[in-house]
């Protein structure tokens, strides 16, 4: 078998350093949009997914609250060798208005 010069061996695999994420907004209302960003000393690619895209949709790192409910956000960071998974829980509510007559 001829070794592949482009394939890195596991001994060359860089370690995935800690990935830190911004916090979720304290209150998330139907119609709100927000972003989650990350920082790491490693070069990483982060993908985001939600447990229910009818409640909270995601495109890239931008989220849109579509309906009331509880939803889980999963952030998966990878450097091509290792993965780090973080899970966030978001509660989406309807905004409330106080009408003073």
PDB file of N, CA and C in Angstrom:
ATOM      1  N   UNK A   1       0.842  -1.188   0.000  1.00  0.00           N
ATOM      2  CA  UNK A   1       0.000   0.000   0.000  1.00  0.00           C
ATOM      3  C   UNK A   1       0.879   1.241   0.000  1.00  0.00           C
ATOM      4  N   UNK A   2       0.535   2.199  -0.841  1.00  0.00           N
ATOM      5  CA  UNK A   2       1.299   3.444  -0.956  1.00  0.00           C
ATOM      6  C   UNK A   2       0.713   4.458   0.020  1.00  0.00           C
ATOM      7  N   UNK A   3       1.554   5.022   0.905  1.00  0.00           N
ATOM      8  CA  UNK A   3       1.037   6.005   1.861  1.00  0.00           C
ATOM      9  C   UNK A   3       0.586   7.276   1.158  1.00  0.00           C
ATOM     10  N   UNK A   4      -0.487   7.874   1.655  1.00  0.00           N
ATOM     11  CA  UNK A   4      -1.023   9.129   1.132  1.00  0.00           C
ATOM     12  C   UNK A   4      -0.274  10.273   1.809  1.00  0.00           C
ATOM     13  N   UNK A   5       0.486  11.036   1.030  1.00  0.00           N
ATOM     14  CA  UNK A   5       1.302  12.127   1.582  1.00  0.00           C
ATOM     15  C   UNK A   5       0.443  13.266   2.140  1.00  0.00           C
ATOM     16  N   UNK A   6      -0.794  13.402   1.641  1.00  0.00           N
ATOM     17  CA  UNK A   6      -1.659  14.499   2.084  1.00  0.00           C
ATOM     18  C   UNK A   6      -2.420  14.175   3.358  1.00  0.00           C
ATOM     19  N   UNK A   7      -2.513  12.909   3.700  1.00  0.00           N
ATOM     20  CA  UNK A   7      -3.263  12.510   4.890  1.00  0.00           C
ATOM     21  C   UNK A   7      -2.363  12.625   6.115  1.00  0.00           C
ATOM     22  N   UNK A   8      -2.846  13.346   7.117  1.00  0.00           N
ATOM     23  CA  UNK A   8      -2.068  13.531   8.335  1.00  0.00           C
ATOM     24  C   UNK A   8      -2.286  12.352   9.269  1.00  0.00           C
ATOM     25  N   UNK A   9      -1.237  11.963   9.925  1.00  0.00           N
ATOM     26  CA  UNK A   9      -1.375  10.875  10.890  1.00  0.00           C
ATOM     27  C   UNK A   9      -1.972  11.420  12.178  1.00  0.00           C
ATOM     28  N   UNK A  10      -2.510  10.528  12.996  1.00  0.00           N
ATOM     29  CA  UNK A  10      -3.132  10.972  14.243  1.00  0.00           C
ATOM     30  C   UNK A  10      -2.122  11.621  15.185  1.00  0.00           C
ATOM     31  N   UNK A  11      -0.839  11.284  15.047  1.00  0.00           N
ATOM     32  CA  UNK A  11       0.170  11.913  15.912  1.00  0.00           C
ATOM     33  C   UNK A  11       0.357  13.388  15.560  1.00  0.00           C
ATOM     34  N   UNK A  12      -0.055  13.781  14.332  1.00  0.00           N
ATOM     35  CA  UNK A  12       0.065  15.163  13.907  1.00  0.00           C
ATOM     36  C   UNK A  12      -1.198  15.962  14.202  1.00  0.00           C
ATOM     37  N   UNK A  13      -2.235  15.309  14.701  1.00  0.00           N
ATOM     38  CA  UNK A  13      -3.526  15.973  14.907  1.00  0.00           C
ATOM     39  C   UNK A  13      -3.417  17.036  15.989  1.00  0.00           C
ATOM     40  N   UNK A  14      -3.784  18.264  15.664  1.00  0.00           N
ATOM     41  CA  UNK A  14      -3.762  19.318  16.685  1.00  0.00           C
ATOM     42  C   UNK A  14      -4.894  19.121  17.688  1.00  0.00           C
ATOM     43  N   UNK A  15      -4.633  19.495  18.906  1.00  0.00           N
ATOM     44  CA  UNK A  15      -5.651  19.385  19.954  1.00  0.00           C
ATOM     45  C   UNK A  15      -6.651  20.522  19.803  1.00  0.00           C
ATOM     46  N   UNK A  16      -7.894  20.196  20.046  1.00  0.00           N
ATOM     47  CA  UNK A  16      -8.958  21.200  20.025  1.00  0.00           C
ATOM     48  C   UNK A  16      -8.942  21.916  21.362  1.00  0.00           C
ATOM     49  N   UNK A  17      -8.677  23.221  21.311  1.00  0.00           N
ATOM     50  CA  UNK A  17      -8.643  23.998  22.550  1.00  0.00           C
ATOM     51  C   UNK A  17     -10.062  24.424  22.916  1.00  0.00           C
ATOM     52  N   UNK A  18     -10.238  24.901  24.142  1.00  0.00           N
ATOM     53  CA  UNK A  18     -11.553  25.288  24.650  1.00  0.00           C
ATOM     54  C   UNK A  18     -12.241  26.280  23.717  1.00  0.00           C
ATOM     55  N   UNK A  19     -13.521  26.036  23.497  1.00  0.00           N
ATOM     56  CA  UNK A  19     -14.335  26.937  22.687  1.00  0.00           C
ATOM     57  C   UNK A  19     -15.309  27.633  23.626  1.00  0.00           C
ATOM     58  N   UNK A  20     -15.321  28.954  23.578  1.00  0.00           N
ATOM     59  CA  UNK A  20     -16.229  29.745  24.427  1.00  0.00           C
ATOM     60  C   UNK A  20     -17.282  30.385  23.533  1.00  0.00           C
ATOM     61  N   UNK A  21     -18.524  30.416  24.037  1.00  0.00           N
ATOM     62  CA  UNK A  21     -19.650  30.961  23.283  1.00  0.00           C
ATOM     63  C   UNK A  21     -20.248  32.152  24.016  1.00  0.00           C
ATOM     64  N   UNK A  22     -20.858  33.049  23.248  1.00  0.00           N
ATOM     65  CA  UNK A  22     -21.597  34.146  23.866  1.00  0.00           C
ATOM     66  C   UNK A  22     -22.862  33.569  24.501  1.00  0.00           C
ATOM     67  N   UNK A  23     -23.371  34.264  25.501  1.00  0.00           N
ATOM     68  CA  UNK A  23     -24.577  33.818  26.195  1.00  0.00           C
ATOM     69  C   UNK A  23     -25.812  34.082  25.346  1.00  0.00           C
ATOM     70  N   UNK A  24     -26.847  33.306  25.626  1.00  0.00           N
ATOM     71  CA  UNK A  24     -28.135  33.567  24.993  1.00  0.00           C
ATOM     72  C   UNK A  24     -28.729  34.834  25.603  1.00  0.00           C
ATOM     73  N   UNK A  25     -29.572  35.532  24.858  1.00  0.00           N
ATOM     74  CA  UNK A  25     -30.264  36.681  25.458  1.00  0.00           C
ATOM     75  C   UNK A  25     -31.077  36.235  26.669  1.00  0.00           C
ATOM     76  N   UNK A  26     -31.213  37.115  27.653  1.00  0.00           N
ATOM     77  CA  UNK A  26     -31.947  36.771  28.869  1.00  0.00           C
ATOM     78  C   UNK A  26     -33.404  36.453  28.565  1.00  0.00           C
ATOM     79  N   UNK A  27     -34.016  37.245  27.706  1.00  0.00           N
ATOM     80  CA  UNK A  27     -35.409  37.019  27.285  1.00  0.00           C
ATOM     81  C   UNK A  27     -35.436  36.886  25.778  1.00  0.00           C
ATOM     82  N   UNK A  28     -36.079  35.840  25.293  1.00  0.00           N
ATOM     83  CA  UNK A  28     -36.238  35.654  23.850  1.00  0.00           C
ATOM     84  C   UNK A  28     -37.735  35.609  23.561  1.00  0.00           C
ATOM     85  N   UNK A  29     -38.170  36.537  22.729  1.00  0.00           N
ATOM     86  CA  UNK A  29     -39.591  36.627  22.389  1.00  0.00           C
ATOM     87  C   UNK A  29     -39.809  36.197  20.942  1.00  0.00           C
ATOM     88  N   UNK A  30     -41.012  35.720  20.664  1.00  0.00           N
ATOM     89  CA  UNK A  30     -41.379  35.362  19.301  1.00  0.00           C
ATOM     90  C   UNK A  30     -41.127  36.576  18.409  1.00  0.00           C
ATOM     91  N   UNK A  31     -40.422  36.375  17.315  1.00  0.00           N
ATOM     92  CA  UNK A  31     -40.073  37.463  16.399  1.00  0.00           C
ATOM     93  C   UNK A  31     -38.657  37.976  16.580  1.00  0.00           C
ATOM     94  N   UNK A  32     -38.012  37.664  17.712  1.00  0.00           N
ATOM     95  CA  UNK A  32     -36.640  38.121  17.962  1.00  0.00           C
ATOM     96  C   UNK A  32     -35.645  37.369  17.091  1.00  0.00           C
ATOM     97  N   UNK A  33     -34.547  38.039  16.773  1.00  0.00           N
ATOM     98  CA  UNK A  33     -33.396  37.393  16.149  1.00  0.00           C
ATOM     99  C   UNK A  33     -32.183  37.677  17.029  1.00  0.00           C
ATOM    100  N   UNK A  34     -31.271  36.720  17.062  1.00  0.00           N
ATOM    101  CA  UNK A  34     -30.040  36.892  17.823  1.00  0.00           C
ATOM    102  C   UNK A  34     -28.961  36.003  17.225  1.00  0.00           C
ATOM    103  N   UNK A  35     -27.721  36.276  17.614  1.00  0.00           N
ATOM    104  CA  UNK A  35     -26.581  35.491  17.138  1.00  0.00           C
ATOM    105  C   UNK A  35     -25.849  34.879  18.321  1.00  0.00           C
ATOM    106  N   UNK A  36     -25.215  33.759  18.068  1.00  0.00           N
ATOM    107  CA  UNK A  36     -24.273  33.168  19.014  1.00  0.00           C
ATOM    108  C   UNK A  36     -22.926  33.177  18.300  1.00  0.00           C
ATOM    109  N   UNK A  37     -21.915  33.711  18.959  1.00  0.00           N
ATOM    110  CA  UNK A  37     -20.576  33.697  18.379  1.00  0.00           C
ATOM    111  C   UNK A  37     -19.661  32.900  19.296  1.00  0.00           C
ATOM    112  N   UNK A  38     -18.481  32.580  18.778  1.00  0.00           N
ATOM    113  CA  UNK A  38     -17.548  31.755  19.547  1.00  0.00           C
ATOM    114  C   UNK A  38     -16.131  32.317  19.462  1.00  0.00           C
ATOM    115  N   UNK A  39     -15.323  31.887  20.431  1.00  0.00           N
ATOM    116  CA  UNK A  39     -13.891  32.208  20.465  1.00  0.00           C
ATOM    117  C   UNK A  39     -13.138  30.949  20.832  1.00  0.00           C
ATOM    118  N   UNK A  40     -12.004  30.754  20.195  1.00  0.00           N
ATOM    119  CA  UNK A  40     -11.140  29.615  20.524  1.00  0.00           C
ATOM    120  C   UNK A  40      -9.725  29.936  20.086  1.00  0.00           C
ATOM    121  N   UNK A  41      -8.765  29.371  20.795  1.00  0.00           N
ATOM    122  CA  UNK A  41      -7.369  29.519  20.387  1.00  0.00           C
ATOM    123  C   UNK A  41      -7.050  28.562  19.247  1.00  0.00           C
ATOM    124  N   UNK A  42      -7.932  27.596  18.997  1.00  0.00           N
ATOM    125  CA  UNK A  42      -7.797  26.674  17.874  1.00  0.00           C
ATOM    126  C   UNK A  42      -8.552  27.233  16.684  1.00  0.00           C
ATOM    127  N   UNK A  43      -8.145  26.821  15.491  1.00  0.00           N
ATOM    128  CA  UNK A  43      -8.929  27.145  14.303  1.00  0.00           C
ATOM    129  C   UNK A  43     -10.057  26.120  14.237  1.00  0.00           C
ATOM    130  N   UNK A  44     -11.290  26.589  14.378  1.00  0.00           N
ATOM    131  CA  UNK A  44     -12.428  25.677  14.434  1.00  0.00           C
ATOM    132  C   UNK A  44     -13.536  26.125  13.485  1.00  0.00           C
ATOM    133  N   UNK A  45     -14.343  25.166  13.115  1.00  0.00           N
ATOM    134  CA  UNK A  45     -15.582  25.416  12.390  1.00  0.00           C
ATOM    135  C   UNK A  45     -16.712  25.036  13.325  1.00  0.00           C
ATOM    136  N   UNK A  46     -17.688  25.940  13.485  1.00  0.00           N
ATOM    137  CA  UNK A  46     -18.804  25.673  14.391  1.00  0.00           C
ATOM    138  C   UNK A  46     -20.084  25.611  13.568  1.00  0.00           C
ATOM    139  N   UNK A  47     -20.865  24.567  13.815  1.00  0.00           N
ATOM    140  CA  UNK A  47     -22.192  24.470  13.210  1.00  0.00           C
ATOM    141  C   UNK A  47     -23.217  24.446  14.333  1.00  0.00           C
ATOM    142  N   UNK A  48     -24.366  25.049  14.069  1.00  0.00           N
ATOM    143  CA  UNK A  48     -25.430  25.144  15.057  1.00  0.00           C
ATOM    144  C   UNK A  48     -26.667  24.421  14.532  1.00  0.00           C
ATOM    145  N   UNK A  49     -27.389  23.799  15.447  1.00  0.00           N
ATOM    146  CA  UNK A  49     -28.646  23.133  15.107  1.00  0.00           C
ATOM    147  C   UNK A  49     -29.632  23.361  16.246  1.00  0.00           C
ATOM    148  N   UNK A  50     -30.917  23.333  15.922  1.00  0.00           N
ATOM    149  CA  UNK A  50     -31.949  23.453  16.957  1.00  0.00           C
ATOM    150  C   UNK A  50     -32.778  22.173  16.968  1.00  0.00           C
ATOM    151  N   UNK A  51     -33.344  21.872  18.120  1.00  0.00           N
ATOM    152  CA  UNK A  51     -34.139  20.653  18.263  1.00  0.00           C
ATOM    153  C   UNK A  51     -35.512  20.787  17.618  1.00  0.00           C
ATOM    154  N   UNK A  52     -35.943  22.014  17.336  1.00  0.00           N
ATOM    155  CA  UNK A  52     -37.244  22.218  16.709  1.00  0.00           C
ATOM    156  C   UNK A  52     -37.195  23.500  15.887  1.00  0.00           C
ATOM    157  N   UNK A  53     -37.036  23.345  14.573  1.00  0.00           N
ATOM    158  CA  UNK A  53     -36.909  24.540  13.730  1.00  0.00           C
ATOM    159  C   UNK A  53     -38.236  25.241  13.465  1.00  0.00           C
ATOM    160  N   UNK A  54     -39.332  24.712  14.011  1.00  0.00           N
ATOM    161  CA  UNK A  54     -40.602  25.437  13.946  1.00  0.00           C
ATOM    162  C   UNK A  54     -40.717  26.435  15.104  1.00  0.00           C
ATOM    163  N   UNK A  55     -39.897  26.243  16.138  1.00  0.00           N
ATOM    164  CA  UNK A  55     -39.845  27.181  17.269  1.00  0.00           C
ATOM    165  C   UNK A  55     -38.693  28.163  17.088  1.00  0.00           C
ATOM    166  N   UNK A  56     -37.514  27.650  16.723  1.00  0.00           N
ATOM    167  CA  UNK A  56     -36.318  28.481  16.572  1.00  0.00           C
ATOM    168  C   UNK A  56     -35.558  28.022  15.342  1.00  0.00           C
ATOM    169  N   UNK A  57     -35.466  28.897  14.339  1.00  0.00           N
ATOM    170  CA  UNK A  57     -34.724  28.538  13.129  1.00  0.00           C
ATOM    171  C   UNK A  57     -33.299  29.067  13.242  1.00  0.00           C
ATOM    172  N   UNK A  58     -32.395  28.453  12.485  1.00  0.00           N
ATOM    173  CA  UNK A  58     -31.002  28.890  12.488  1.00  0.00           C
ATOM    174  C   UNK A  58     -30.460  28.860  11.067  1.00  0.00           C
ATOM    175  N   UNK A  59     -29.739  29.944  10.718  1.00  0.00           N
ATOM    176  CA  UNK A  59     -28.991  30.025   9.472  1.00  0.00           C
ATOM    177  C   UNK A  59     -27.612  30.527   9.868  1.00  0.00           C
ATOM    178  N   UNK A  60     -26.610  29.687   9.690  1.00  0.00           N
ATOM    179  CA  UNK A  60     -25.264  30.038  10.151  1.00  0.00           C
ATOM    180  C   UNK A  60     -25.259  30.124  11.662  1.00  0.00           C
ATOM    181  N   UNK A  61     -25.012  31.317  12.189  1.00  0.00           N
ATOM    182  CA  UNK A  61     -25.057  31.511  13.646  1.00  0.00           C
ATOM    183  C   UNK A  61     -26.163  32.493  14.041  1.00  0.00           C
ATOM    184  N   UNK A  62     -27.111  32.740  13.119  1.00  0.00           N
ATOM    185  CA  UNK A  62     -28.215  33.655  13.399  1.00  0.00           C
ATOM    186  C   UNK A  62     -29.502  32.862  13.627  1.00  0.00           C
ATOM    187  N   UNK A  63     -30.159  33.172  14.727  1.00  0.00           N
ATOM    188  CA  UNK A  63     -31.354  32.461  15.152  1.00  0.00           C
ATOM    189  C   UNK A  63     -32.567  33.378  15.077  1.00  0.00           C
ATOM    190  N   UNK A  64     -33.722  32.802  14.723  1.00  0.00           N
ATOM    191  CA  UNK A  64     -34.974  33.548  14.686  1.00  0.00           C
ATOM    192  C   UNK A  64     -36.018  32.770  15.477  1.00  0.00           C
ATOM    193  N   UNK A  65     -36.621  33.435  16.460  1.00  0.00           N
ATOM    194  CA  UNK A  65     -37.664  32.818  17.283  1.00  0.00           C
ATOM    195  C   UNK A  65     -38.980  32.886  16.511  1.00  0.00           C
ATOM    196  N   UNK A  66     -39.555  31.727  16.211  1.00  0.00           N
ATOM    197  CA  UNK A  66     -40.755  31.662  15.377  1.00  0.00           C
ATOM    198  C   UNK A  66     -42.024  31.369  16.156  1.00  0.00           C
ATOM    199  N   UNK A  67     -41.892  30.676  17.294  1.00  0.00           N
ATOM    200  CA  UNK A  67     -43.073  30.282  18.066  1.00  0.00           C
ATOM    201  C   UNK A  67     -42.678  30.114  19.520  1.00  0.00           C
ATOM    202  N   UNK A  68     -43.689  30.069  20.387  1.00  0.00           N
ATOM    203  CA  UNK A  68     -43.452  29.894  21.818  1.00  0.00           C
ATOM    204  C   UNK A  68     -43.070  28.446  22.099  1.00  0.00           C
ATOM    205  N   UNK A  69     -42.141  28.243  23.029  1.00  0.00           N
ATOM    206  CA  UNK A  69     -41.769  26.894  23.438  1.00  0.00           C
ATOM    207  C   UNK A  69     -40.341  26.813  23.925  1.00  0.00           C
ATOM    208  N   UNK A  70     -39.937  25.586  24.282  1.00  0.00           N
ATOM    209  CA  UNK A  70     -38.575  25.309  24.740  1.00  0.00           C
ATOM    210  C   UNK A  70     -37.838  24.593  23.622  1.00  0.00           C
ATOM    211  N   UNK A  71     -36.602  24.969  23.396  1.00  0.00           N
ATOM    212  CA  UNK A  71     -35.821  24.383  22.316  1.00  0.00           C
ATOM    213  C   UNK A  71     -34.371  24.235  22.759  1.00  0.00           C
ATOM    214  N   UNK A  72     -33.718  23.211  22.248  1.00  0.00           N
ATOM    215  CA  UNK A  72     -32.306  22.974  22.538  1.00  0.00           C
ATOM    216  C   UNK A  72     -31.477  23.402  21.334  1.00  0.00           C
ATOM    217  N   UNK A  73     -30.406  24.148  21.610  1.00  0.00           N
ATOM    218  CA  UNK A  73     -29.451  24.555  20.583  1.00  0.00           C
ATOM    219  C   UNK A  73     -28.183  23.736  20.799  1.00  0.00           C
ATOM    220  N   UNK A  74     -27.718  23.085  19.738  1.00  0.00           N
ATOM    221  CA  UNK A  74     -26.485  22.311  19.820  1.00  0.00           C
ATOM    222  C   UNK A  74     -25.432  22.992  18.958  1.00  0.00           C
ATOM    223  N   UNK A  75     -24.290  23.312  19.570  1.00  0.00           N
ATOM    224  CA  UNK A  75     -23.158  23.912  18.862  1.00  0.00           C
ATOM    225  C   UNK A  75     -22.059  22.855  18.784  1.00  0.00           C
ATOM    226  N   UNK A  76     -21.650  22.528  17.576  1.00  0.00           N
ATOM    227  CA  UNK A  76     -20.598  21.528  17.382  1.00  0.00           C
ATOM    228  C   UNK A  76     -19.394  22.211  16.756  1.00  0.00           C
ATOM    229  N   UNK A  77     -18.286  22.224  17.494  1.00  0.00           N
ATOM    230  CA  UNK A  77     -17.036  22.819  17.009  1.00  0.00           C
ATOM    231  C   UNK A  77     -16.094  21.682  16.624  1.00  0.00           C
ATOM    232  N   UNK A  78     -15.438  21.832  15.481  1.00  0.00           N
ATOM    233  CA  UNK A  78     -14.474  20.823  15.058  1.00  0.00           C
ATOM    234  C   UNK A  78     -13.252  21.489  14.441  1.00  0.00           C
ATOM    235  N   UNK A  79     -12.124  20.847  14.637  1.00  0.00           N
ATOM    236  CA  UNK A  79     -10.901  21.297  13.984  1.00  0.00           C
ATOM    237  C   UNK A  79     -10.485  20.302  12.902  1.00  0.00           C
ATOM    238  N   UNK A  80     -11.385  19.384  12.558  1.00  0.00           N
ATOM    239  CA  UNK A  80     -11.086  18.366  11.549  1.00  0.00           C
ATOM    240  C   UNK A  80     -10.621  17.060  12.151  1.00  0.00           C
ATOM    241  N   UNK A  81     -10.276  17.069  13.433  1.00  0.00           N
ATOM    242  CA  UNK A  81      -9.797  15.870  14.112  1.00  0.00           C
ATOM    243  C   UNK A  81     -10.631  15.540  15.346  1.00  0.00           C
ATOM    244  N   UNK A  82     -11.005  16.581  16.070  1.00  0.00           N
ATOM    245  CA  UNK A  82     -11.760  16.411  17.311  1.00  0.00           C
ATOM    246  C   UNK A  82     -13.005  17.284  17.260  1.00  0.00           C
ATOM    247  N   UNK A  83     -14.016  16.889  18.036  1.00  0.00           N
ATOM    248  CA  UNK A  83     -15.236  17.685  18.144  1.00  0.00           C
ATOM    249  C   UNK A  83     -15.486  18.066  19.587  1.00  0.00           C
ATOM    250  N   UNK A  84     -16.104  19.227  19.756  1.00  0.00           N
ATOM    251  CA  UNK A  84     -16.564  19.686  21.060  1.00  0.00           C
ATOM    252  C   UNK A  84     -18.019  20.087  20.882  1.00  0.00           C
ATOM    253  N   UNK A  85     -18.891  19.529  21.712  1.00  0.00           N
ATOM    254  CA  UNK A  85     -20.318  19.815  21.601  1.00  0.00           C
ATOM    255  C   UNK A  85     -20.788  20.550  22.850  1.00  0.00           C
ATOM    256  N   UNK A  86     -21.479  21.665  22.649  1.00  0.00           N
ATOM    257  CA  UNK A  86     -22.079  22.440  23.733  1.00  0.00           C
ATOM    258  C   UNK A  86     -23.583  22.482  23.487  1.00  0.00           C
ATOM    259  N   UNK A  87     -24.351  22.405  24.554  1.00  0.00           N
ATOM    260  CA  UNK A  87     -25.804  22.425  24.440  1.00  0.00           C
ATOM    261  C   UNK A  87     -26.355  23.585  25.259  1.00  0.00           C
ATOM    262  N   UNK A  88     -27.267  24.338  24.656  1.00  0.00           N
ATOM    263  CA  UNK A  88     -27.932  25.462  25.306  1.00  0.00           C
ATOM    264  C   UNK A  88     -29.436  25.200  25.266  1.00  0.00           C
ATOM    265  N   UNK A  89     -30.154  25.666  26.267  1.00  0.00           N
ATOM    266  CA  UNK A  89     -31.612  25.576  26.263  1.00  0.00           C
ATOM    267  C   UNK A  89     -32.182  26.979  26.189  1.00  0.00           C
ATOM    268  N   UNK A  90     -33.107  27.173  25.255  1.00  0.00           N
ATOM    269  CA  UNK A  90     -33.741  28.480  25.078  1.00  0.00           C
ATOM    270  C   UNK A  90     -35.240  28.351  25.330  1.00  0.00           C
ATOM    271  N   UNK A  91     -35.799  29.341  25.972  1.00  0.00           N
ATOM    272  CA  UNK A  91     -37.237  29.409  26.221  1.00  0.00           C
ATOM    273  C   UNK A  91     -37.777  30.608  25.451  1.00  0.00           C
ATOM    274  N   UNK A  92     -38.655  30.340  24.514  1.00  0.00           N
ATOM    275  CA  UNK A  92     -39.227  31.381  23.679  1.00  0.00           C
ATOM    276  C   UNK A  92     -40.623  31.695  24.209  1.00  0.00           C
ATOM    277  N   UNK A  93     -40.904  32.979  24.436  1.00  0.00           N
ATOM    278  CA  UNK A  93     -42.225  33.379  24.931  1.00  0.00           C
ATOM    279  C   UNK A  93     -42.783  34.482  24.041  1.00  0.00           C
ATOM    280  N   UNK A  94     -44.076  34.682  24.163  1.00  0.00           N
ATOM    281  CA  UNK A  94     -44.696  35.806  23.476  1.00  0.00           C
ATOM    282  C   UNK A  94     -44.387  37.071  24.259  1.00  0.00           C
ATOM    283  N   UNK A  95     -44.116  38.166  23.564  1.00  0.00           N
ATOM    284  CA  UNK A  95     -43.923  39.415  24.295  1.00  0.00           C
ATOM    285  C   UNK A  95     -45.242  39.823  24.942  1.00  0.00           C
ATOM    286  N   UNK A  96     -45.140  40.430  26.076  1.00  0.00           N
ATOM    287  CA  UNK A  96     -46.363  40.882  26.735  1.00  0.00           C
ATOM    288  C   UNK A  96     -46.393  42.410  26.697  1.00  0.00           C
ATOM    289  N   UNK A  97     -47.574  42.911  26.592  1.00  0.00           N
ATOM    290  CA  UNK A  97     -47.759  44.351  26.524  1.00  0.00           C
ATOM    291  C   UNK A  97     -48.692  44.766  27.643  1.00  0.00           C
ATOM    292  N   UNK A  98     -48.413  45.884  28.240  1.00  0.00           N
ATOM    293  CA  UNK A  98     -49.302  46.430  29.254  1.00  0.00           C
ATOM    294  C   UNK A  98     -49.999  47.620  28.629  1.00  0.00           C
ATOM    295  N   UNK A  99     -51.289  47.548  28.598  1.00  0.00           N
ATOM    296  CA  UNK A  99     -52.087  48.623  28.037  1.00  0.00           C
ATOM    297  C   UNK A  99     -52.695  49.417  29.169  1.00  0.00           C
ATOM    298  N   UNK A 100     -52.336  50.688  29.253  1.00  0.00           N
ATOM    299  CA  UNK A 100     -52.868  51.546  30.313  1.00  0.00           C
ATOM    300  C   UNK A 100     -53.905  52.469  29.687  1.00  0.00           C
ATOM    301  N   UNK A 101     -55.087  52.390  30.214  1.00  0.00           N
ATOM    302  CA  UNK A 101     -56.179  53.232  29.673  1.00  0.00           C
ATOM    303  C   UNK A 101     -56.445  54.404  30.574  1.00  0.00           C
TER     304      UNK A 101
END
